[in-house]
Amino acid sequence: MWKDAGREIGDWRLEIKGCPLNLQSLISNLILFLLLPGLSACVSVDPVIKIGLVAPFEGAERVVGYDVIYSARLAVREINQAGGIGGYRVALVALDDSGDPELARQTAVALAADPAVVAVLGHWLPETTAVTTPLYAQANLPFIPMGAPPFGPTDPATLPADFVARYTAVTPFDEQPGPYAASTYAAFQRLWQTLAETEQRHGRIDRAAVMMVIGNQ
């Protein structure tokens, strides 16, 4: 039967076999249940691949990290807005190595342990790159060494206005791109091409397939 819960108008309870239920919650749950087929159709079920980005976000070289992170975010945002790569959505995993070789080693081990990480870009400093390169190779994890040619610094004054505008749009305080912004963005574009080729050739994107494509390039 229906009865007033005694607190405020509209807060009614329905008793079923002596168990009081909040009527508003019941109706809400019923509506949600009826809408579930439509909601499930809207939820993305695309598989996700992860790209590692390791840079000095703290420490004496943190300016490098903050220069490259916005280029990385821009590249990932654009590829996902374009529909991803071969049905895969891209997630960025950004880790700090503070320019410290031991911390860089730890980040490399952590990324290697995640099978969803199919490629890594880093570390921008010779000493951290030297420590981590063999670790990525041992894990069969594609690695793009950054900070030296072909992905070294460039003069920010030479950057196209369109790129500067898009870069600035993903920063919280309208930061301007620095010397590593363009090369980082270029490295991601090359990586997207490699991943697309991987999916076309092998019907999947994982470490082994990416390594096979890189070996044939």
N, C-alpha and C. Protein backbone atom coordinates (compact mmCIF):
# COMPACT_ATOMS: atom_id res chain seq x y z
N MET A 1 0.85 -1.19 0.00
CA MET A 1 0.00 0.00 0.00
C MET A 1 0.87 1.23 0.00
N TRP A 2 0.24 2.39 -0.29
CA TRP A 2 0.98 3.65 -0.28
C TRP A 2 0.84 4.31 1.08
N LYS A 3 1.90 4.95 1.52
CA LYS A 3 1.79 5.73 2.75
C LYS A 3 2.83 6.84 2.75
N ASP A 4 2.54 7.91 3.47
CA ASP A 4 3.44 9.04 3.56
C ASP A 4 4.60 8.68 4.45
N ALA A 5 5.83 8.94 4.00
CA ALA A 5 7.01 8.64 4.81
C ALA A 5 7.16 9.62 5.95
N GLY A 6 6.42 10.74 5.91
CA GLY A 6 6.37 11.63 7.05
C GLY A 6 7.46 12.67 7.09
N ARG A 7 8.21 12.85 5.97
CA ARG A 7 9.28 13.85 6.00
C ARG A 7 8.97 15.04 5.12
N GLU A 8 8.68 14.82 3.86
CA GLU A 8 8.35 15.94 2.99
C GLU A 8 7.51 15.44 1.84
N ILE A 9 6.74 16.34 1.26
CA ILE A 9 5.88 15.98 0.15
C ILE A 9 6.73 15.49 -1.01
N GLY A 10 6.33 14.39 -1.59
CA GLY A 10 7.07 13.85 -2.72
C GLY A 10 8.00 12.73 -2.32
N ASP A 11 8.33 12.62 -1.05
CA ASP A 11 9.18 11.53 -0.60
C ASP A 11 8.27 10.39 -0.15
N TRP A 12 7.76 9.65 -1.12
CA TRP A 12 6.83 8.57 -0.85
C TRP A 12 7.57 7.25 -0.91
N ARG A 13 7.01 6.29 -0.20
CA ARG A 13 7.62 4.98 -0.19
C ARG A 13 6.58 3.93 -0.59
N LEU A 14 7.03 2.92 -1.26
CA LEU A 14 6.19 1.81 -1.66
C LEU A 14 6.62 0.60 -0.85
N GLU A 15 5.69 0.00 -0.16
CA GLU A 15 6.01 -1.18 0.63
C GLU A 15 5.67 -2.43 -0.17
N ILE A 16 6.67 -3.28 -0.38
CA ILE A 16 6.46 -4.55 -1.03
C ILE A 16 6.91 -5.63 -0.06
N LYS A 17 5.94 -6.43 0.40
CA LYS A 17 6.22 -7.48 1.38
C LYS A 17 6.93 -6.91 2.60
N GLY A 18 6.46 -5.70 2.99
CA GLY A 18 6.99 -5.11 4.21
C GLY A 18 8.30 -4.40 4.05
N CYS A 19 8.83 -4.36 2.81
CA CYS A 19 10.13 -3.72 2.58
C CYS A 19 9.91 -2.38 1.92
N PRO A 20 10.21 -1.23 2.57
CA PRO A 20 9.97 0.08 1.98
C PRO A 20 11.00 0.40 0.90
N LEU A 21 10.50 0.91 -0.24
CA LEU A 21 11.36 1.33 -1.33
C LEU A 21 11.05 2.78 -1.66
N ASN A 22 12.06 3.55 -1.95
CA ASN A 22 11.88 4.93 -2.35
C ASN A 22 11.29 4.97 -3.74
N LEU A 23 10.12 5.58 -3.89
CA LEU A 23 9.40 5.57 -5.17
C LEU A 23 10.17 6.31 -6.24
N GLN A 24 10.81 7.43 -5.88
CA GLN A 24 11.57 8.19 -6.86
C GLN A 24 12.72 7.36 -7.41
N SER A 25 13.42 6.63 -6.54
CA SER A 25 14.51 5.78 -7.00
C SER A 25 14.00 4.66 -7.87
N LEU A 26 12.84 4.11 -7.50
CA LEU A 26 12.26 3.02 -8.28
C LEU A 26 11.95 3.48 -9.70
N ILE A 27 11.32 4.67 -9.80
CA ILE A 27 10.98 5.18 -11.12
C ILE A 27 12.23 5.49 -11.92
N SER A 28 13.23 6.08 -11.26
CA SER A 28 14.47 6.40 -11.95
C SER A 28 15.15 5.16 -12.48
N ASN A 29 15.17 4.11 -11.65
CA ASN A 29 15.80 2.86 -12.08
C ASN A 29 15.04 2.22 -13.21
N LEU A 30 13.70 2.33 -13.19
CA LEU A 30 12.89 1.77 -14.26
C LEU A 30 13.16 2.49 -15.57
N ILE A 31 13.25 3.82 -15.52
CA ILE A 31 13.55 4.59 -16.72
C ILE A 31 14.93 4.24 -17.25
N LEU A 32 15.90 4.12 -16.33
CA LEU A 32 17.25 3.76 -16.74
C LEU A 32 17.26 2.39 -17.41
N PHE A 33 16.50 1.45 -16.84
CA PHE A 33 16.44 0.10 -17.42
C PHE A 33 15.87 0.13 -18.82
N LEU A 34 14.84 0.95 -19.02
CA LEU A 34 14.23 1.03 -20.34
C LEU A 34 15.15 1.69 -21.35
N LEU A 35 16.03 2.57 -20.85
CA LEU A 35 16.93 3.27 -21.76
C LEU A 35 18.23 2.52 -22.01
N LEU A 36 18.49 1.46 -21.27
CA LEU A 36 19.77 0.78 -21.38
C LEU A 36 20.15 0.37 -22.79
N PRO A 37 19.25 -0.18 -23.61
CA PRO A 37 19.66 -0.54 -24.97
C PRO A 37 20.20 0.63 -25.75
N GLY A 38 19.55 1.80 -25.60
CA GLY A 38 20.02 2.99 -26.30
C GLY A 38 21.34 3.49 -25.76
N LEU A 39 21.48 3.40 -24.42
CA LEU A 39 22.73 3.87 -23.82
C LEU A 39 23.89 2.99 -24.23
N SER A 40 23.68 1.69 -24.23
CA SER A 40 24.78 0.80 -24.58
C SER A 40 25.23 0.99 -26.00
N ALA A 41 24.31 1.43 -26.87
CA ALA A 41 24.68 1.66 -28.26
C ALA A 41 25.56 2.88 -28.40
N CYS A 42 25.49 3.80 -27.41
CA CYS A 42 26.25 5.04 -27.49
C CYS A 42 27.64 4.89 -26.86
N VAL A 43 27.82 3.87 -26.03
CA VAL A 43 29.10 3.71 -25.35
C VAL A 43 30.14 3.16 -26.32
N SER A 44 31.30 3.80 -26.36
CA SER A 44 32.36 3.35 -27.26
C SER A 44 32.95 2.04 -26.77
N VAL A 45 33.07 1.09 -27.67
CA VAL A 45 33.69 -0.18 -27.34
C VAL A 45 34.95 -0.38 -28.15
N ASP A 46 35.46 0.70 -28.72
CA ASP A 46 36.69 0.60 -29.50
C ASP A 46 37.84 0.14 -28.61
N PRO A 47 38.69 -0.75 -29.11
CA PRO A 47 39.87 -1.14 -28.33
C PRO A 47 40.82 0.05 -28.18
N VAL A 48 41.61 0.02 -27.14
CA VAL A 48 42.52 1.13 -26.82
C VAL A 48 43.96 0.66 -26.88
N ILE A 49 44.78 1.44 -27.53
CA ILE A 49 46.22 1.24 -27.49
C ILE A 49 46.85 2.40 -26.74
N LYS A 50 47.93 2.11 -26.03
CA LYS A 50 48.59 3.13 -25.23
C LYS A 50 49.94 3.49 -25.84
N ILE A 51 50.24 4.79 -25.80
CA ILE A 51 51.54 5.29 -26.23
C ILE A 51 52.23 5.90 -25.02
N GLY A 52 53.42 5.42 -24.73
CA GLY A 52 54.17 5.97 -23.61
C GLY A 52 54.94 7.22 -24.00
N LEU A 53 54.96 8.17 -23.11
CA LEU A 53 55.74 9.40 -23.29
C LEU A 53 56.51 9.64 -22.01
N VAL A 54 57.83 9.55 -22.08
CA VAL A 54 58.66 9.75 -20.89
C VAL A 54 59.57 10.94 -21.13
N ALA A 55 59.51 11.90 -20.20
CA ALA A 55 60.28 13.13 -20.34
C ALA A 55 60.56 13.69 -18.95
N PRO A 56 61.48 14.64 -18.83
CA PRO A 56 61.72 15.27 -17.54
C PRO A 56 60.67 16.33 -17.23
N PHE A 57 59.61 15.93 -16.56
CA PHE A 57 58.56 16.88 -16.17
C PHE A 57 58.89 17.59 -14.87
N GLU A 58 59.87 17.10 -14.17
CA GLU A 58 60.36 17.75 -12.96
C GLU A 58 61.88 17.86 -13.06
N GLY A 59 62.47 18.64 -12.17
CA GLY A 59 63.92 18.77 -12.16
C GLY A 59 64.42 19.89 -13.05
N ALA A 60 65.73 19.91 -13.24
CA ALA A 60 66.38 21.01 -13.95
C ALA A 60 65.94 21.10 -15.40
N GLU A 61 65.54 19.97 -16.01
CA GLU A 61 65.17 19.97 -17.43
C GLU A 61 63.66 19.94 -17.65
N ARG A 62 62.88 20.34 -16.63
CA ARG A 62 61.43 20.22 -16.75
C ARG A 62 60.84 21.08 -17.87
N VAL A 63 61.56 22.12 -18.29
CA VAL A 63 61.05 22.94 -19.39
C VAL A 63 60.89 22.09 -20.65
N VAL A 64 61.74 21.09 -20.80
CA VAL A 64 61.63 20.20 -21.95
C VAL A 64 60.33 19.41 -21.88
N GLY A 65 60.06 18.86 -20.69
CA GLY A 65 58.84 18.08 -20.52
C GLY A 65 57.59 18.86 -20.81
N TYR A 66 57.54 20.07 -20.33
CA TYR A 66 56.33 20.88 -20.54
C TYR A 66 56.24 21.40 -21.97
N ASP A 67 57.32 21.39 -22.67
CA ASP A 67 57.30 21.75 -24.09
C ASP A 67 56.68 20.61 -24.90
N VAL A 68 57.07 19.38 -24.57
CA VAL A 68 56.65 18.25 -25.40
C VAL A 68 55.28 17.71 -25.04
N ILE A 69 54.85 17.87 -23.79
CA ILE A 69 53.59 17.25 -23.38
C ILE A 69 52.41 17.83 -24.16
N TYR A 70 52.46 19.12 -24.46
CA TYR A 70 51.32 19.71 -25.18
C TYR A 70 51.29 19.28 -26.64
N SER A 71 52.45 19.08 -27.24
CA SER A 71 52.47 18.53 -28.59
C SER A 71 51.91 17.12 -28.60
N ALA A 72 52.27 16.34 -27.58
CA ALA A 72 51.75 14.98 -27.48
C ALA A 72 50.25 14.98 -27.31
N ARG A 73 49.75 15.82 -26.43
CA ARG A 73 48.30 15.90 -26.22
C ARG A 73 47.58 16.34 -27.48
N LEU A 74 48.16 17.28 -28.19
CA LEU A 74 47.56 17.75 -29.44
C LEU A 74 47.49 16.61 -30.45
N ALA A 75 48.57 15.88 -30.60
CA ALA A 75 48.61 14.79 -31.58
C ALA A 75 47.60 13.70 -31.23
N VAL A 76 47.50 13.35 -29.95
CA VAL A 76 46.56 12.31 -29.53
C VAL A 76 45.12 12.79 -29.68
N ARG A 77 44.88 14.03 -29.31
CA ARG A 77 43.52 14.56 -29.46
C ARG A 77 43.09 14.55 -30.91
N GLU A 78 43.95 14.97 -31.79
CA GLU A 78 43.60 15.04 -33.21
C GLU A 78 43.35 13.66 -33.80
N ILE A 79 44.18 12.68 -33.46
CA ILE A 79 43.98 11.35 -34.05
C ILE A 79 42.70 10.72 -33.54
N ASN A 80 42.35 10.94 -32.28
CA ASN A 80 41.11 10.39 -31.75
C ASN A 80 39.89 11.10 -32.33
N GLN A 81 40.00 12.39 -32.53
CA GLN A 81 38.89 13.12 -33.15
C GLN A 81 38.67 12.68 -34.58
N ALA A 82 39.73 12.19 -35.21
CA ALA A 82 39.62 11.69 -36.58
C ALA A 82 39.15 10.25 -36.64
N GLY A 83 38.85 9.66 -35.49
CA GLY A 83 38.34 8.29 -35.47
C GLY A 83 39.33 7.25 -34.99
N GLY A 84 40.51 7.67 -34.55
CA GLY A 84 41.51 6.73 -34.09
C GLY A 84 42.30 6.13 -35.24
N ILE A 85 42.87 4.96 -34.99
CA ILE A 85 43.71 4.29 -35.99
C ILE A 85 43.18 2.88 -36.19
N GLY A 86 42.59 2.64 -37.34
CA GLY A 86 42.09 1.31 -37.64
C GLY A 86 41.11 0.78 -36.62
N GLY A 87 40.28 1.66 -36.06
CA GLY A 87 39.31 1.24 -35.05
C GLY A 87 39.82 1.30 -33.63
N TYR A 88 41.10 1.62 -33.45
CA TYR A 88 41.67 1.74 -32.11
C TYR A 88 41.65 3.19 -31.65
N ARG A 89 41.30 3.39 -30.41
CA ARG A 89 41.48 4.69 -29.78
C ARG A 89 42.88 4.74 -29.16
N VAL A 90 43.42 5.94 -29.02
CA VAL A 90 44.78 6.11 -28.50
C VAL A 90 44.74 6.78 -27.13
N ALA A 91 45.45 6.21 -26.19
CA ALA A 91 45.60 6.80 -24.86
C ALA A 91 47.06 7.12 -24.63
N LEU A 92 47.31 8.28 -24.06
CA LEU A 92 48.67 8.73 -23.77
C LEU A 92 49.02 8.41 -22.32
N VAL A 93 50.16 7.75 -22.12
CA VAL A 93 50.67 7.47 -20.78
C VAL A 93 51.95 8.28 -20.60
N ALA A 94 51.85 9.40 -19.91
CA ALA A 94 52.99 10.31 -19.72
C ALA A 94 53.61 10.08 -18.35
N LEU A 95 54.91 9.79 -18.35
CA LEU A 95 55.63 9.53 -17.11
C LEU A 95 56.85 10.45 -17.01
N ASP A 96 57.17 10.80 -15.77
CA ASP A 96 58.31 11.69 -15.51
C ASP A 96 59.54 10.87 -15.17
N ASP A 97 60.68 11.22 -15.79
CA ASP A 97 61.95 10.60 -15.37
C ASP A 97 62.89 11.62 -14.74
N SER A 98 62.46 12.89 -14.70
CA SER A 98 63.23 13.97 -14.06
C SER A 98 64.66 14.09 -14.58
N GLY A 99 64.93 13.51 -15.75
CA GLY A 99 66.29 13.53 -16.27
C GLY A 99 67.24 12.64 -15.50
N ASP A 100 66.71 11.75 -14.66
CA ASP A 100 67.51 10.89 -13.80
C ASP A 100 67.57 9.49 -14.40
N PRO A 101 68.75 8.93 -14.66
CA PRO A 101 68.86 7.62 -15.29
C PRO A 101 68.16 6.50 -14.53
N GLU A 102 68.23 6.50 -13.21
CA GLU A 102 67.58 5.44 -12.44
C GLU A 102 66.06 5.54 -12.54
N LEU A 103 65.54 6.75 -12.44
CA LEU A 103 64.10 6.92 -12.59
C LEU A 103 63.66 6.59 -14.01
N ALA A 104 64.48 6.93 -14.98
CA ALA A 104 64.19 6.57 -16.36
C ALA A 104 64.12 5.06 -16.52
N ARG A 105 65.03 4.35 -15.88
CA ARG A 105 65.02 2.89 -15.93
C ARG A 105 63.72 2.34 -15.36
N GLN A 106 63.27 2.92 -14.25
CA GLN A 106 62.04 2.47 -13.62
C GLN A 106 60.83 2.71 -14.51
N THR A 107 60.79 3.84 -15.17
CA THR A 107 59.65 4.12 -16.05
C THR A 107 59.65 3.18 -17.24
N ALA A 108 60.82 2.85 -17.76
CA ALA A 108 60.90 1.92 -18.88
C ALA A 108 60.39 0.54 -18.48
N VAL A 109 60.76 0.10 -17.29
CA VAL A 109 60.29 -1.20 -16.79
C VAL A 109 58.78 -1.20 -16.62
N ALA A 110 58.23 -0.08 -16.10
CA ALA A 110 56.79 0.01 -15.89
C ALA A 110 56.03 -0.03 -17.21
N LEU A 111 56.52 0.68 -18.20
CA LEU A 111 55.85 0.69 -19.49
C LEU A 111 55.95 -0.67 -20.18
N ALA A 112 57.09 -1.31 -20.05
CA ALA A 112 57.28 -2.62 -20.65
C ALA A 112 56.34 -3.65 -20.04
N ALA A 113 55.94 -3.46 -18.79
CA ALA A 113 55.08 -4.41 -18.10
C ALA A 113 53.62 -4.31 -18.52
N ASP A 114 53.26 -3.25 -19.22
CA ASP A 114 51.87 -3.05 -19.66
C ASP A 114 51.75 -3.45 -21.12
N PRO A 115 51.10 -4.57 -21.42
CA PRO A 115 51.03 -5.03 -22.82
C PRO A 115 50.24 -4.11 -23.72
N ALA A 116 49.43 -3.22 -23.17
CA ALA A 116 48.65 -2.29 -23.99
C ALA A 116 49.51 -1.16 -24.55
N VAL A 117 50.71 -0.97 -23.97
CA VAL A 117 51.63 0.05 -24.48
C VAL A 117 52.34 -0.53 -25.70
N VAL A 118 52.10 0.09 -26.86
CA VAL A 118 52.64 -0.47 -28.11
C VAL A 118 53.82 0.33 -28.64
N ALA A 119 54.11 1.47 -28.04
CA ALA A 119 55.26 2.27 -28.46
C ALA A 119 55.56 3.31 -27.39
N VAL A 120 56.81 3.76 -27.36
CA VAL A 120 57.23 4.77 -26.38
C VAL A 120 58.05 5.83 -27.09
N LEU A 121 57.81 7.10 -26.71
CA LEU A 121 58.64 8.21 -27.14
C LEU A 121 59.33 8.78 -25.91
N GLY A 122 60.64 9.02 -25.97
CA GLY A 122 61.38 9.57 -24.85
C GLY A 122 62.87 9.57 -25.22
N HIS A 123 63.75 9.92 -24.35
CA HIS A 123 63.65 10.53 -23.04
C HIS A 123 64.25 11.94 -23.07
N TRP A 124 64.70 12.33 -24.27
CA TRP A 124 65.20 13.66 -24.57
C TRP A 124 66.60 13.97 -24.07
N LEU A 125 67.12 13.21 -23.15
CA LEU A 125 68.48 13.44 -22.67
C LEU A 125 69.34 12.22 -23.01
N PRO A 126 70.60 12.41 -23.40
CA PRO A 126 71.44 11.28 -23.81
C PRO A 126 71.60 10.22 -22.72
N GLU A 127 71.76 10.66 -21.48
CA GLU A 127 72.02 9.70 -20.41
C GLU A 127 70.81 8.83 -20.09
N THR A 128 69.62 9.42 -20.13
CA THR A 128 68.43 8.62 -19.85
C THR A 128 68.06 7.75 -21.05
N THR A 129 68.29 8.25 -22.24
CA THR A 129 68.02 7.45 -23.44
C THR A 129 68.94 6.23 -23.49
N ALA A 130 70.21 6.43 -23.13
CA ALA A 130 71.18 5.33 -23.17
C ALA A 130 70.80 4.21 -22.20
N VAL A 131 70.27 4.57 -21.04
CA VAL A 131 69.90 3.58 -20.04
C VAL A 131 68.68 2.77 -20.47
N THR A 132 67.72 3.43 -21.10
CA THR A 132 66.43 2.79 -21.38
C THR A 132 66.36 2.07 -22.71
N THR A 133 67.16 2.47 -23.67
CA THR A 133 67.07 1.85 -25.01
C THR A 133 67.19 0.32 -24.97
N PRO A 134 68.17 -0.25 -24.27
CA PRO A 134 68.24 -1.71 -24.23
C PRO A 134 67.07 -2.37 -23.51
N LEU A 135 66.47 -1.67 -22.55
CA LEU A 135 65.32 -2.22 -21.83
C LEU A 135 64.11 -2.34 -22.76
N TYR A 136 63.89 -1.31 -23.57
CA TYR A 136 62.78 -1.39 -24.52
C TYR A 136 63.03 -2.48 -25.55
N ALA A 137 64.27 -2.61 -25.99
CA ALA A 137 64.60 -3.64 -26.97
C ALA A 137 64.36 -5.03 -26.40
N GLN A 138 64.72 -5.21 -25.14
CA GLN A 138 64.54 -6.51 -24.49
C GLN A 138 63.06 -6.85 -24.38
N ALA A 139 62.22 -5.84 -24.17
CA ALA A 139 60.78 -6.06 -24.04
C ALA A 139 60.07 -6.09 -25.39
N ASN A 140 60.82 -5.96 -26.48
CA ASN A 140 60.23 -5.93 -27.82
C ASN A 140 59.21 -4.79 -27.93
N LEU A 141 59.53 -3.69 -27.26
CA LEU A 141 58.65 -2.52 -27.23
C LEU A 141 59.24 -1.43 -28.12
N PRO A 142 58.55 -1.08 -29.20
CA PRO A 142 59.06 -0.04 -30.11
C PRO A 142 59.35 1.26 -29.36
N PHE A 143 60.53 1.81 -29.62
CA PHE A 143 60.98 3.00 -28.91
C PHE A 143 61.48 4.03 -29.91
N ILE A 144 61.01 5.27 -29.78
CA ILE A 144 61.47 6.38 -30.61
C ILE A 144 62.30 7.30 -29.72
N PRO A 145 63.62 7.29 -29.88
CA PRO A 145 64.46 8.18 -29.06
C PRO A 145 64.29 9.63 -29.50
N MET A 146 64.00 10.47 -28.54
CA MET A 146 63.72 11.88 -28.82
C MET A 146 64.84 12.76 -28.29
N GLY A 147 64.92 13.96 -28.86
CA GLY A 147 65.89 14.94 -28.40
C GLY A 147 67.10 15.07 -29.28
N ALA A 148 67.25 14.15 -30.23
CA ALA A 148 68.37 14.19 -31.18
C ALA A 148 67.80 13.94 -32.57
N PRO A 149 68.54 14.30 -33.62
CA PRO A 149 68.04 14.10 -34.99
C PRO A 149 67.55 12.66 -35.21
N PRO A 150 66.43 12.48 -35.90
CA PRO A 150 65.67 13.51 -36.63
C PRO A 150 64.64 14.24 -35.78
N PHE A 151 64.64 13.99 -34.46
CA PHE A 151 63.65 14.62 -33.60
C PHE A 151 64.32 15.50 -32.55
N GLY A 152 65.19 16.36 -33.03
CA GLY A 152 65.88 17.29 -32.16
C GLY A 152 65.18 18.63 -32.09
N PRO A 153 65.85 19.63 -31.51
CA PRO A 153 65.23 20.95 -31.36
C PRO A 153 65.16 21.71 -32.68
N THR A 154 64.17 22.57 -32.77
CA THR A 154 64.01 23.47 -33.91
C THR A 154 63.70 24.87 -33.40
N ASP A 155 63.90 25.84 -34.23
CA ASP A 155 63.65 27.23 -33.85
C ASP A 155 62.15 27.48 -33.80
N PRO A 156 61.58 27.81 -32.63
CA PRO A 156 60.14 28.05 -32.54
C PRO A 156 59.65 29.18 -33.46
N ALA A 157 60.56 30.10 -33.80
CA ALA A 157 60.16 31.22 -34.66
C ALA A 157 59.80 30.77 -36.06
N THR A 158 60.23 29.58 -36.44
CA THR A 158 59.95 29.08 -37.78
C THR A 158 58.66 28.26 -37.87
N LEU A 159 57.96 28.09 -36.75
CA LEU A 159 56.76 27.25 -36.74
C LEU A 159 55.60 27.94 -37.44
N PRO A 160 54.81 27.18 -38.19
CA PRO A 160 53.63 27.77 -38.85
C PRO A 160 52.63 28.29 -37.83
N ALA A 161 51.97 29.36 -38.19
CA ALA A 161 51.01 29.99 -37.28
C ALA A 161 49.88 29.02 -36.91
N ASP A 162 49.47 28.18 -37.85
CA ASP A 162 48.39 27.24 -37.57
C ASP A 162 48.79 26.25 -36.48
N PHE A 163 50.04 25.75 -36.55
CA PHE A 163 50.50 24.82 -35.51
C PHE A 163 50.57 25.52 -34.16
N VAL A 164 51.08 26.74 -34.13
CA VAL A 164 51.18 27.49 -32.87
C VAL A 164 49.80 27.66 -32.26
N ALA A 165 48.81 27.97 -33.08
CA ALA A 165 47.45 28.18 -32.57
C ALA A 165 46.87 26.88 -32.00
N ARG A 166 47.09 25.77 -32.70
CA ARG A 166 46.57 24.49 -32.21
C ARG A 166 47.30 24.04 -30.96
N TYR A 167 48.59 24.28 -30.90
CA TYR A 167 49.38 23.95 -29.72
C TYR A 167 48.89 24.76 -28.52
N THR A 168 48.74 26.05 -28.72
CA THR A 168 48.31 26.93 -27.63
C THR A 168 46.93 26.54 -27.11
N ALA A 169 46.09 26.04 -28.00
CA ALA A 169 44.72 25.70 -27.62
C ALA A 169 44.65 24.54 -26.62
N VAL A 170 45.68 23.70 -26.54
CA VAL A 170 45.65 22.57 -25.60
C VAL A 170 46.41 22.87 -24.32
N THR A 171 46.96 24.08 -24.19
CA THR A 171 47.68 24.46 -22.97
C THR A 171 46.74 25.20 -22.04
N PRO A 172 46.96 25.08 -20.73
CA PRO A 172 46.05 25.75 -19.78
C PRO A 172 46.22 27.26 -19.71
N PHE A 173 47.40 27.76 -20.05
CA PHE A 173 47.66 29.19 -19.91
C PHE A 173 48.22 29.81 -21.18
N ASP A 174 47.82 29.27 -22.32
CA ASP A 174 48.26 29.80 -23.62
C ASP A 174 49.79 29.82 -23.75
N GLU A 175 50.43 28.76 -23.27
CA GLU A 175 51.88 28.66 -23.42
C GLU A 175 52.26 28.55 -24.89
N GLN A 176 53.41 29.06 -25.20
CA GLN A 176 53.90 29.02 -26.57
C GLN A 176 54.83 27.83 -26.77
N PRO A 177 54.84 27.24 -27.96
CA PRO A 177 55.71 26.09 -28.22
C PRO A 177 57.18 26.47 -28.14
N GLY A 178 57.97 25.55 -27.62
CA GLY A 178 59.40 25.75 -27.50
C GLY A 178 60.16 24.95 -28.54
N PRO A 179 61.45 24.72 -28.34
CA PRO A 179 62.29 24.09 -29.37
C PRO A 179 61.96 22.63 -29.66
N TYR A 180 61.28 21.93 -28.74
CA TYR A 180 60.99 20.52 -28.97
C TYR A 180 59.54 20.25 -29.36
N ALA A 181 58.75 21.28 -29.47
CA ALA A 181 57.33 21.10 -29.78
C ALA A 181 57.11 20.51 -31.17
N ALA A 182 57.77 21.07 -32.16
CA ALA A 182 57.55 20.64 -33.54
C ALA A 182 58.04 19.22 -33.77
N SER A 183 59.22 18.87 -33.27
CA SER A 183 59.75 17.54 -33.50
C SER A 183 58.94 16.47 -32.77
N THR A 184 58.39 16.83 -31.61
CA THR A 184 57.53 15.88 -30.90
C THR A 184 56.27 15.61 -31.70
N TYR A 185 55.67 16.65 -32.20
CA TYR A 185 54.46 16.49 -33.01
C TYR A 185 54.77 15.67 -34.27
N ALA A 186 55.91 15.93 -34.89
CA ALA A 186 56.30 15.18 -36.09
C ALA A 186 56.52 13.71 -35.78
N ALA A 187 57.10 13.41 -34.62
CA ALA A 187 57.33 12.02 -34.24
C ALA A 187 56.01 11.28 -34.07
N PHE A 188 55.03 11.94 -33.49
CA PHE A 188 53.72 11.31 -33.34
C PHE A 188 53.07 11.07 -34.70
N GLN A 189 53.22 12.01 -35.62
CA GLN A 189 52.63 11.81 -36.94
C GLN A 189 53.26 10.61 -37.65
N ARG A 190 54.57 10.46 -37.51
CA ARG A 190 55.23 9.30 -38.10
C ARG A 190 54.75 8.02 -37.43
N LEU A 191 54.57 8.08 -36.12
CA LEU A 191 54.09 6.91 -35.40
C LEU A 191 52.68 6.54 -35.85
N TRP A 192 51.81 7.53 -36.05
CA TRP A 192 50.45 7.22 -36.52
C TRP A 192 50.51 6.49 -37.86
N GLN A 193 51.38 6.91 -38.73
CA GLN A 193 51.52 6.26 -40.03
C GLN A 193 51.96 4.80 -39.87
N THR A 194 52.90 4.59 -38.97
CA THR A 194 53.39 3.23 -38.74
C THR A 194 52.29 2.35 -38.15
N LEU A 195 51.53 2.88 -37.21
CA LEU A 195 50.45 2.10 -36.60
C LEU A 195 49.35 1.80 -37.60
N ALA A 196 49.04 2.76 -38.46
CA ALA A 196 48.02 2.52 -39.49
C ALA A 196 48.48 1.43 -40.45
N GLU A 197 49.74 1.48 -40.82
CA GLU A 197 50.29 0.45 -41.69
C GLU A 197 50.28 -0.91 -41.00
N THR A 198 50.55 -0.90 -39.71
CA THR A 198 50.52 -2.15 -38.95
C THR A 198 49.14 -2.78 -38.98
N GLU A 199 48.12 -1.97 -38.75
CA GLU A 199 46.76 -2.50 -38.75
C GLU A 199 46.36 -3.00 -40.13
N GLN A 200 46.76 -2.30 -41.16
CA GLN A 200 46.41 -2.70 -42.52
C GLN A 200 47.08 -4.03 -42.90
N ARG A 201 48.32 -4.21 -42.48
CA ARG A 201 49.06 -5.42 -42.84
C ARG A 201 48.67 -6.62 -42.00
N HIS A 202 48.45 -6.40 -40.72
CA HIS A 202 48.29 -7.52 -39.80
C HIS A 202 46.89 -7.61 -39.17
N GLY A 203 46.05 -6.60 -39.40
CA GLY A 203 44.71 -6.64 -38.84
C GLY A 203 44.66 -6.41 -37.35
N ARG A 204 45.75 -5.96 -36.78
CA ARG A 204 45.80 -5.69 -35.36
C ARG A 204 46.94 -4.71 -35.09
N ILE A 205 46.92 -4.11 -33.89
CA ILE A 205 48.03 -3.25 -33.47
C ILE A 205 48.49 -3.75 -32.11
N ASP A 206 49.63 -4.38 -32.08
CA ASP A 206 50.28 -4.77 -30.84
C ASP A 206 51.79 -4.66 -31.05
N ARG A 207 52.55 -4.92 -30.01
CA ARG A 207 53.99 -4.71 -30.09
C ARG A 207 54.63 -5.54 -31.19
N ALA A 208 54.27 -6.82 -31.23
CA ALA A 208 54.91 -7.70 -32.20
C ALA A 208 54.63 -7.26 -33.62
N ALA A 209 53.38 -6.88 -33.89
CA ALA A 209 53.02 -6.46 -35.24
C ALA A 209 53.71 -5.15 -35.61
N VAL A 210 53.77 -4.22 -34.65
CA VAL A 210 54.44 -2.94 -34.90
C VAL A 210 55.93 -3.17 -35.18
N MET A 211 56.55 -4.05 -34.43
CA MET A 211 57.97 -4.32 -34.64
C MET A 211 58.22 -4.93 -36.00
N MET A 212 57.31 -5.76 -36.48
CA MET A 212 57.47 -6.35 -37.81
C MET A 212 57.42 -5.28 -38.90
N VAL A 213 56.52 -4.33 -38.73
CA VAL A 213 56.40 -3.24 -39.70
C VAL A 213 57.63 -2.36 -39.65
N ILE A 214 58.09 -2.02 -38.45
CA ILE A 214 59.29 -1.19 -38.33
C ILE A 214 60.49 -1.88 -38.95
N GLY A 215 60.58 -3.19 -38.79
CA GLY A 215 61.69 -3.92 -39.36
C GLY A 215 61.72 -3.91 -40.87
N ASN A 216 60.56 -3.67 -41.47
CA ASN A 216 60.48 -3.65 -42.95
C ASN A 216 60.53 -2.23 -43.52
N GLN A 217 60.63 -1.23 -42.65
CA GLN A 217 60.65 0.15 -43.14
C GLN A 217 62.07 0.56 -43.53
